[in-house]
Amino acid sequence: MLQFPDCGAIALVGSGEYLPVMRELEGELLQSAVNVGKRKVYVQIPTAAAKEGTDRLDFWARLGQEQADRLGVQCQSLPIFSRSDAFLPANIDAIHDAGLIYFSGGDPHYLAETLIETPVWKAIVTAWGKGSSLAGCSAGAMVLGKQIMGLRKNHAAPGLNLLSNIQTIPHYDRFLGWLPDRVAATILQAPDSVHLIGIDEETALVRDGADMRWRVWGEGKVHMLKGAPPQSFSHGEEIAL
């Protein structure tokens, strides 16, 4: 894991970004950054859904705006739909000192391919390292590890490698019922050197700033699947990673 002495909070979310059920968590993430001088700005990065069409992107933008309105903060959805967009100065500048930077769901492979080794990704890492909060839901959570688990594909693919010792299976409770064989294969294929974690829907694994302790937030559970003794954790419980 990259080390930053003043890094912001980070959240890996199983599902539910921008919905009322996640308002408390997203407000908490924003406030932790505002407390250290960051702007009350809720930055959405919908890149993972870029191939799903304009209607879907408009849907994410609307949900994000509704959540920002509930929280009483400014919302900005960045039009990063292709790799070239991740080099545009306007998108880079929008990230500076944002309170919360949020990757929403979609295709984790496309998200990684679009952002890896770009100025936008560098700006995100820099902002988080200086106290901005960072969250990723579903695809956005998967992409923050060194590898993206091959739940829907037959092989793992490179992630953004911010959290090099963590790999995430979001929607874990749903995937377990929907694709049990693929989940079992994913667990077997994961290297022993990483923590493979399943995160249920409307549930998150959260780390507060430079504190190395992670805690569970939400109605579901977080499941340690590999890299430590198998165990499930509920809301408020801490996990040492």
C-alpha atoms as a PDB file:
ATOM      1  CA  MET A   1       0.000   0.000   0.000  1.00  0.00           C
ATOM      2  CA  LEU A   2       1.231   3.479  -0.801  1.00  0.00           C
ATOM      3  CA  GLN A   3       2.058   5.431   2.333  1.00  0.00           C
ATOM      4  CA  PHE A   4       1.014   9.047   2.894  1.00  0.00           C
ATOM      5  CA  PRO A   5       1.432  10.707   6.292  1.00  0.00           C
ATOM      6  CA  ASP A   6      -1.639  12.914   5.825  1.00  0.00           C
ATOM      7  CA  CYS A   7      -3.793  10.809   3.506  1.00  0.00           C
ATOM      8  CA  GLY A   8      -7.552  11.140   3.560  1.00  0.00           C
ATOM      9  CA  ALA A   9     -10.221   8.604   4.364  1.00  0.00           C
ATOM     10  CA  ILE A  10     -10.885   5.835   1.867  1.00  0.00           C
ATOM     11  CA  ALA A  11     -13.947   3.634   1.375  1.00  0.00           C
ATOM     12  CA  LEU A  12     -14.483   0.426  -0.593  1.00  0.00           C
ATOM     13  CA  VAL A  13     -18.227   0.135  -1.170  1.00  0.00           C
ATOM     14  CA  GLY A  14     -20.103  -3.011  -2.169  1.00  0.00           C
ATOM     15  CA  SER A  15     -23.010  -1.146  -3.799  1.00  0.00           C
ATOM     16  CA  GLY A  16     -25.334   1.813  -3.261  1.00  0.00           C
ATOM     17  CA  GLU A  17     -23.274   4.846  -4.259  1.00  0.00           C
ATOM     18  CA  TYR A  18     -25.192   8.138  -4.127  1.00  0.00           C
ATOM     19  CA  LEU A  19     -28.341   6.534  -2.652  1.00  0.00           C
ATOM     20  CA  PRO A  20     -30.086   7.817   0.509  1.00  0.00           C
ATOM     21  CA  VAL A  21     -28.954   4.706   2.401  1.00  0.00           C
ATOM     22  CA  MET A  22     -25.333   5.814   1.895  1.00  0.00           C
ATOM     23  CA  ARG A  23     -25.889   9.451   2.816  1.00  0.00           C
ATOM     24  CA  GLU A  24     -24.432   9.115   6.309  1.00  0.00           C
ATOM     25  CA  LEU A  25     -21.255   7.433   5.083  1.00  0.00           C
ATOM     26  CA  GLU A  26     -20.693   9.830   2.203  1.00  0.00           C
ATOM     27  CA  GLY A  27     -21.320  12.783   4.484  1.00  0.00           C
ATOM     28  CA  GLU A  28     -18.804  11.384   6.947  1.00  0.00           C
ATOM     29  CA  LEU A  29     -16.196  11.012   4.206  1.00  0.00           C
ATOM     30  CA  LEU A  30     -16.757  14.574   3.036  1.00  0.00           C
ATOM     31  CA  GLN A  31     -16.637  16.036   6.524  1.00  0.00           C
ATOM     32  CA  SER A  32     -13.375  14.297   7.371  1.00  0.00           C
ATOM     33  CA  ALA A  33     -11.771  16.083   4.419  1.00  0.00           C
ATOM     34  CA  VAL A  34     -13.435  19.424   5.123  1.00  0.00           C
ATOM     35  CA  ASN A  35     -12.056  19.206   8.662  1.00  0.00           C
ATOM     36  CA  VAL A  36      -8.525  19.369   7.241  1.00  0.00           C
ATOM     37  CA  GLY A  37      -9.280  22.256   4.884  1.00  0.00           C
ATOM     38  CA  LYS A  38     -10.609  20.561   1.759  1.00  0.00           C
ATOM     39  CA  ARG A  39     -13.439  22.016  -0.315  1.00  0.00           C
ATOM     40  CA  LYS A  40     -17.080  21.015   0.189  1.00  0.00           C
ATOM     41  CA  VAL A  41     -17.136  19.480  -3.268  1.00  0.00           C
ATOM     42  CA  TYR A  42     -18.449  16.046  -4.175  1.00  0.00           C
ATOM     43  CA  VAL A  43     -16.575  14.931  -7.312  1.00  0.00           C
ATOM     44  CA  GLN A  44     -18.116  12.082  -9.281  1.00  0.00           C
ATOM     45  CA  ILE A  45     -16.011  10.055 -11.702  1.00  0.00           C
ATOM     46  CA  PRO A  46     -18.447   7.952 -13.787  1.00  0.00           C
ATOM     47  CA  THR A  47     -15.781   6.549 -16.122  1.00  0.00           C
ATOM     48  CA  ALA A  48     -16.630   2.899 -15.432  1.00  0.00           C
ATOM     49  CA  ALA A  49     -20.073   3.454 -17.012  1.00  0.00           C
ATOM     50  CA  ALA A  50     -18.794   5.351 -20.051  1.00  0.00           C
ATOM     51  CA  LYS A  51     -19.564   2.531 -22.480  1.00  0.00           C
ATOM     52  CA  GLU A  52     -23.146   2.191 -21.242  1.00  0.00           C
ATOM     53  CA  GLY A  53     -24.397   5.269 -23.080  1.00  0.00           C
ATOM     54  CA  THR A  54     -25.567   8.791 -22.377  1.00  0.00           C
ATOM     55  CA  ASP A  55     -28.726   7.777 -20.539  1.00  0.00           C
ATOM     56  CA  ARG A  56     -26.750   5.785 -18.000  1.00  0.00           C
ATOM     57  CA  LEU A  57     -24.220   8.552 -17.495  1.00  0.00           C
ATOM     58  CA  ASP A  58     -27.054  11.039 -17.003  1.00  0.00           C
ATOM     59  CA  PHE A  59     -28.521   8.654 -14.426  1.00  0.00           C
ATOM     60  CA  TRP A  60     -25.298   8.624 -12.391  1.00  0.00           C
ATOM     61  CA  ALA A  61     -24.948  12.394 -12.631  1.00  0.00           C
ATOM     62  CA  ARG A  62     -28.516  12.847 -11.401  1.00  0.00           C
ATOM     63  CA  LEU A  63     -28.048  10.459  -8.470  1.00  0.00           C
ATOM     64  CA  GLY A  64     -24.853  12.208  -7.448  1.00  0.00           C
ATOM     65  CA  GLN A  65     -26.479  15.631  -7.619  1.00  0.00           C
ATOM     66  CA  GLU A  66     -29.391  14.412  -5.491  1.00  0.00           C
ATOM     67  CA  GLN A  67     -26.987  13.100  -2.855  1.00  0.00           C
ATOM     68  CA  ALA A  68     -24.978  16.315  -2.887  1.00  0.00           C
ATOM     69  CA  ASP A  69     -28.220  18.263  -2.420  1.00  0.00           C
ATOM     70  CA  ARG A  70     -29.057  16.105   0.617  1.00  0.00           C
ATOM     71  CA  LEU A  71     -25.611  16.837   2.033  1.00  0.00           C
ATOM     72  CA  GLY A  72     -25.732  20.535   1.187  1.00  0.00           C
ATOM     73  CA  VAL A  73     -22.513  20.514  -0.845  1.00  0.00           C
ATOM     74  CA  GLN A  74     -21.450  21.282  -4.389  1.00  0.00           C
ATOM     75  CA  CYS A  75     -21.465  18.396  -6.881  1.00  0.00           C
ATOM     76  CA  GLN A  76     -19.267  18.035  -9.948  1.00  0.00           C
ATOM     77  CA  SER A  77     -19.488  15.082 -12.355  1.00  0.00           C
ATOM     78  CA  LEU A  78     -16.307  14.913 -14.411  1.00  0.00           C
ATOM     79  CA  PRO A  79     -16.719  13.932 -18.102  1.00  0.00           C
ATOM     80  CA  ILE A  80     -13.884  11.412 -18.154  1.00  0.00           C
ATOM     81  CA  PHE A  81     -15.227   8.989 -20.729  1.00  0.00           C
ATOM     82  CA  SER A  82     -12.033   8.152 -22.630  1.00  0.00           C
ATOM     83  CA  ARG A  83      -8.333   8.087 -21.951  1.00  0.00           C
ATOM     84  CA  SER A  84      -7.836  11.429 -23.675  1.00  0.00           C
ATOM     85  CA  ASP A  85     -10.279  13.008 -21.196  1.00  0.00           C
ATOM     86  CA  ALA A  86      -7.905  11.983 -18.382  1.00  0.00           C
ATOM     87  CA  PHE A  87      -5.328  14.401 -19.797  1.00  0.00           C
ATOM     88  CA  LEU A  88      -7.572  17.481 -19.960  1.00  0.00           C
ATOM     89  CA  PRO A  89      -6.556  20.343 -17.634  1.00  0.00           C
ATOM     90  CA  ALA A  90     -10.159  21.061 -16.600  1.00  0.00           C
ATOM     91  CA  ASN A  91     -10.619  17.527 -15.257  1.00  0.00           C
ATOM     92  CA  ILE A  92      -7.256  17.594 -13.509  1.00  0.00           C
ATOM     93  CA  ASP A  93      -7.930  20.960 -11.870  1.00  0.00           C
ATOM     94  CA  ALA A  94     -11.384  19.898 -10.636  1.00  0.00           C
ATOM     95  CA  ILE A  95      -9.817  17.250  -8.409  1.00  0.00           C
ATOM     96  CA  HIS A  96      -7.557  19.633  -6.487  1.00  0.00           C
ATOM     97  CA  ASP A  97      -8.585  19.832  -2.814  1.00  0.00           C
ATOM     98  CA  ALA A  98     -11.983  18.178  -3.432  1.00  0.00           C
ATOM     99  CA  GLY A  99     -13.647  16.907  -0.292  1.00  0.00           C
ATOM    100  CA  LEU A 100     -14.737  13.581  -1.788  1.00  0.00           C
ATOM    101  CA  ILE A 101     -13.607  11.898  -5.000  1.00  0.00           C
ATOM    102  CA  TYR A 102     -15.913   9.036  -5.904  1.00  0.00           C
ATOM    103  CA  PHE A 103     -15.615   6.281  -8.542  1.00  0.00           C
ATOM    104  CA  SER A 104     -19.053   4.861  -9.341  1.00  0.00           C
ATOM    105  CA  GLY A 105     -19.872   1.455 -10.804  1.00  0.00           C
ATOM    106  CA  GLY A 106     -19.678  -0.133 -14.238  1.00  0.00           C
ATOM    107  CA  ASP A 107     -16.781  -1.879 -15.946  1.00  0.00           C
ATOM    108  CA  PRO A 108     -13.669  -1.998 -13.728  1.00  0.00           C
ATOM    109  CA  HIS A 109     -11.441  -3.020 -16.622  1.00  0.00           C
ATOM    110  CA  TYR A 110     -12.413   0.025 -18.668  1.00  0.00           C
ATOM    111  CA  LEU A 111     -11.978   2.275 -15.646  1.00  0.00           C
ATOM    112  CA  ALA A 112      -8.442   1.020 -15.053  1.00  0.00           C
ATOM    113  CA  GLU A 113      -7.451   1.165 -18.724  1.00  0.00           C
ATOM    114  CA  THR A 114      -8.737   4.734 -18.974  1.00  0.00           C
ATOM    115  CA  LEU A 115      -7.011   6.143 -15.890  1.00  0.00           C
ATOM    116  CA  ILE A 116      -3.797   4.214 -15.335  1.00  0.00           C
ATOM    117  CA  GLU A 117      -0.694   6.413 -15.609  1.00  0.00           C
ATOM    118  CA  THR A 118      -2.664   9.552 -16.538  1.00  0.00           C
ATOM    119  CA  PRO A 119      -2.531  13.071 -15.081  1.00  0.00           C
ATOM    120  CA  VAL A 120      -6.038  12.657 -13.665  1.00  0.00           C
ATOM    121  CA  TRP A 121      -5.042   9.545 -11.739  1.00  0.00           C
ATOM    122  CA  LYS A 122      -1.887  11.285 -10.507  1.00  0.00           C
ATOM    123  CA  ALA A 123      -4.037  14.223  -9.345  1.00  0.00           C
ATOM    124  CA  ILE A 124      -6.381  11.844  -7.496  1.00  0.00           C
ATOM    125  CA  VAL A 125      -3.498  10.110  -5.708  1.00  0.00           C
ATOM    126  CA  THR A 126      -1.986  13.481  -4.801  1.00  0.00           C
ATOM    127  CA  ALA A 127      -5.290  14.846  -3.502  1.00  0.00           C
ATOM    128  CA  TRP A 128      -5.945  11.733  -1.412  1.00  0.00           C
ATOM    129  CA  GLY A 129      -2.390  11.846  -0.099  1.00  0.00           C
ATOM    130  CA  LYS A 130      -3.057  15.382   1.132  1.00  0.00           C
ATOM    131  CA  GLY A 131      -6.349  14.712   2.885  1.00  0.00           C
ATOM    132  CA  SER A 132      -9.133  14.426   0.298  1.00  0.00           C
ATOM    133  CA  SER A 133     -11.438  11.452   0.829  1.00  0.00           C
ATOM    134  CA  LEU A 134     -11.578   8.760  -1.841  1.00  0.00           C
ATOM    135  CA  ALA A 135     -14.326   6.210  -2.425  1.00  0.00           C
ATOM    136  CA  GLY A 136     -14.966   3.504  -4.973  1.00  0.00           C
ATOM    137  CA  CYS A 137     -18.184   1.549  -5.344  1.00  0.00           C
ATOM    138  CA  SER A 138     -18.435  -1.827  -7.103  1.00  0.00           C
ATOM    139  CA  ALA A 139     -16.125  -1.399 -10.132  1.00  0.00           C
ATOM    140  CA  GLY A 140     -14.674   1.642  -8.379  1.00  0.00           C
ATOM    141  CA  ALA A 141     -13.707  -0.506  -5.395  1.00  0.00           C
ATOM    142  CA  MET A 142     -12.304  -3.338  -7.490  1.00  0.00           C
ATOM    143  CA  VAL A 143     -10.007  -1.068  -9.475  1.00  0.00           C
ATOM    144  CA  LEU A 144      -8.131   0.312  -6.452  1.00  0.00           C
ATOM    145  CA  GLY A 145      -6.234  -2.933  -5.896  1.00  0.00           C
ATOM    146  CA  LYS A 146      -3.183  -4.214  -7.732  1.00  0.00           C
ATOM    147  CA  GLN A 147      -5.398  -6.594  -9.705  1.00  0.00           C
ATOM    148  CA  ILE A 148      -9.048  -6.683 -10.712  1.00  0.00           C
ATOM    149  CA  MET A 149     -10.496 -10.068  -9.904  1.00  0.00           C
ATOM    150  CA  GLY A 150     -11.843 -11.994 -12.892  1.00  0.00           C
ATOM    151  CA  LEU A 151     -15.433 -12.442 -11.733  1.00  0.00           C
ATOM    152  CA  ARG A 152     -16.939 -11.868 -15.162  1.00  0.00           C
ATOM    153  CA  LYS A 153     -13.813 -12.652 -17.140  1.00  0.00           C
ATOM    154  CA  ASN A 154     -11.569 -15.668 -16.996  1.00  0.00           C
ATOM    155  CA  HIS A 155      -8.499 -13.812 -15.844  1.00  0.00           C
ATOM    156  CA  ALA A 156      -7.410 -11.049 -13.508  1.00  0.00           C
ATOM    157  CA  ALA A 157      -6.354  -7.702 -14.975  1.00  0.00           C
ATOM    158  CA  PRO A 158      -4.171  -4.848 -13.707  1.00  0.00           C
ATOM    159  CA  GLY A 159      -5.815  -2.377 -11.358  1.00  0.00           C
ATOM    160  CA  LEU A 160      -4.709   1.095 -10.313  1.00  0.00           C
ATOM    161  CA  ASN A 161      -2.597  -0.397  -7.494  1.00  0.00           C
ATOM    162  CA  LEU A 162      -3.374   2.159  -4.807  1.00  0.00           C
ATOM    163  CA  LEU A 163      -4.112  -0.617  -2.291  1.00  0.00           C
ATOM    164  CA  SER A 164      -1.636  -3.244  -3.390  1.00  0.00           C
ATOM    165  CA  ASN A 165      -2.440  -5.722  -0.596  1.00  0.00           C
ATOM    166  CA  ILE A 166      -6.237  -5.729  -1.071  1.00  0.00           C
ATOM    167  CA  GLN A 167      -8.483  -7.252  -3.731  1.00  0.00           C
ATOM    168  CA  THR A 168     -12.222  -6.740  -3.573  1.00  0.00           C
ATOM    169  CA  ILE A 169     -15.321  -8.657  -4.575  1.00  0.00           C
ATOM    170  CA  PRO A 170     -18.229  -6.160  -4.376  1.00  0.00           C
ATOM    171  CA  HIS A 171     -21.898  -7.210  -4.287  1.00  0.00           C
ATOM    172  CA  TYR A 172     -20.556 -10.264  -2.473  1.00  0.00           C
ATOM    173  CA  ASP A 173     -23.876 -11.480  -1.097  1.00  0.00           C
ATOM    174  CA  ARG A 174     -25.473 -11.203  -4.545  1.00  0.00           C
ATOM    175  CA  PHE A 175     -22.540 -12.689  -6.461  1.00  0.00           C
ATOM    176  CA  LEU A 176     -22.416 -15.629  -4.053  1.00  0.00           C
ATOM    177  CA  GLY A 177     -25.970 -16.556  -4.971  1.00  0.00           C
ATOM    178  CA  TRP A 178     -25.682 -15.581  -8.643  1.00  0.00           C
ATOM    179  CA  LEU A 179     -22.234 -16.918  -9.592  1.00  0.00           C
ATOM    180  CA  PRO A 180     -21.163 -19.292  -6.793  1.00  0.00           C
ATOM    181  CA  ASP A 181     -18.772 -21.289  -8.973  1.00  0.00           C
ATOM    182  CA  ARG A 182     -17.051 -18.161 -10.256  1.00  0.00           C
ATOM    183  CA  VAL A 183     -16.722 -16.767  -6.728  1.00  0.00           C
ATOM    184  CA  ALA A 184     -15.179 -20.051  -5.549  1.00  0.00           C
ATOM    185  CA  ALA A 185     -12.746 -20.033  -8.480  1.00  0.00           C
ATOM    186  CA  THR A 186     -11.813 -16.422  -7.769  1.00  0.00           C
ATOM    187  CA  ILE A 187     -10.996 -17.251  -4.164  1.00  0.00           C
ATOM    188  CA  LEU A 188      -8.825 -20.196  -5.225  1.00  0.00           C
ATOM    189  CA  GLN A 189      -6.969 -18.143  -7.820  1.00  0.00           C
ATOM    190  CA  ALA A 190      -6.242 -15.161  -5.581  1.00  0.00           C
ATOM    191  CA  PRO A 191      -2.613 -15.022  -4.403  1.00  0.00           C
ATOM    192  CA  ASP A 192      -1.980 -15.789  -0.740  1.00  0.00           C
ATOM    193  CA  SER A 193      -0.038 -12.537  -0.420  1.00  0.00           C
ATOM    194  CA  VAL A 194      -3.148 -10.325  -0.616  1.00  0.00           C
ATOM    195  CA  HIS A 195      -6.276  -9.873   1.449  1.00  0.00           C
ATOM    196  CA  LEU A 196      -9.219 -10.968  -0.696  1.00  0.00           C
ATOM    197  CA  ILE A 197     -12.314  -9.292   0.704  1.00  0.00           C
ATOM    198  CA  GLY A 198     -15.996  -9.722  -0.128  1.00  0.00           C
ATOM    199  CA  ILE A 199     -18.175  -6.679   0.553  1.00  0.00           C
ATOM    200  CA  ASP A 200     -21.955  -7.086   0.690  1.00  0.00           C
ATOM    201  CA  GLU A 201     -24.345  -4.690  -0.989  1.00  0.00           C
ATOM    202  CA  GLU A 202     -24.982  -1.335   0.730  1.00  0.00           C
ATOM    203  CA  THR A 203     -21.943  -2.022   2.906  1.00  0.00           C
ATOM    204  CA  ALA A 204     -18.473  -0.493   2.958  1.00  0.00           C
ATOM    205  CA  LEU A 205     -14.998  -1.070   4.313  1.00  0.00           C
ATOM    206  CA  VAL A 206     -13.651   2.285   5.496  1.00  0.00           C
ATOM    207  CA  ARG A 207     -10.279   3.552   6.665  1.00  0.00           C
ATOM    208  CA  ASP A 208     -10.011   6.903   8.396  1.00  0.00           C
ATOM    209  CA  GLY A 209      -7.055   8.863   7.120  1.00  0.00           C
ATOM    210  CA  ALA A 210      -3.594   7.590   7.988  1.00  0.00           C
ATOM    211  CA  ASP A 211      -5.015   5.210  10.609  1.00  0.00           C
ATOM    212  CA  MET A 212      -4.229   1.713   9.347  1.00  0.00           C
ATOM    213  CA  ARG A 213      -7.360   0.242  10.942  1.00  0.00           C
ATOM    214  CA  TRP A 214     -10.327  -0.500   8.719  1.00  0.00           C
ATOM    215  CA  ARG A 215     -13.932  -0.698   9.932  1.00  0.00           C
ATOM    216  CA  VAL A 216     -17.181  -1.993   8.506  1.00  0.00           C
ATOM    217  CA  TRP A 217     -20.048   0.355   7.728  1.00  0.00           C
ATOM    218  CA  GLY A 218     -23.560  -0.714   6.705  1.00  0.00           C
ATOM    219  CA  GLU A 219     -26.256  -3.332   7.115  1.00  0.00           C
ATOM    220  CA  GLY A 220     -24.352  -6.174   5.429  1.00  0.00           C
ATOM    221  CA  LYS A 221     -21.035  -7.786   6.209  1.00  0.00           C
ATOM    222  CA  VAL A 222     -17.446  -7.693   5.028  1.00  0.00           C
ATOM    223  CA  HIS A 223     -15.942 -11.140   4.503  1.00  0.00           C
ATOM    224  CA  MET A 224     -12.257 -12.027   4.788  1.00  0.00           C
ATOM    225  CA  LEU A 225     -11.841 -14.683   2.101  1.00  0.00           C
ATOM    226  CA  LYS A 226      -8.080 -15.074   1.758  1.00  0.00           C
ATOM    227  CA  GLY A 227      -4.873 -13.688   3.232  1.00  0.00           C
ATOM    228  CA  ALA A 228      -6.088 -14.122   6.824  1.00  0.00           C
ATOM    229  CA  PRO A 229      -8.320 -16.597   8.660  1.00  0.00           C
ATOM    230  CA  PRO A 230     -11.791 -16.618   7.019  1.00  0.00           C
ATOM    231  CA  GLN A 231     -14.166 -14.463   9.012  1.00  0.00           C
ATOM    232  CA  SER A 232     -17.149 -12.131   8.523  1.00  0.00           C
ATOM    233  CA  PHE A 233     -17.380  -8.683  10.129  1.00  0.00           C
ATOM    234  CA  SER A 234     -20.410  -6.499  10.878  1.00  0.00           C
ATOM    235  CA  HIS A 235     -21.035  -2.770  11.225  1.00  0.00           C
ATOM    236  CA  GLY A 236     -18.522  -1.038  13.462  1.00  0.00           C
ATOM    237  CA  GLU A 237     -16.129  -3.950  13.714  1.00  0.00           C
ATOM    238  CA  GLU A 238     -12.478  -3.320  12.895  1.00  0.00           C
ATOM    239  CA  ILE A 239     -10.306  -5.338  10.536  1.00  0.00           C
ATOM    240  CA  ALA A 240      -6.509  -5.244  10.683  1.00  0.00           C
ATOM    241  CA  LEU A 241      -5.060  -5.207   7.162  1.00  0.00           C
END
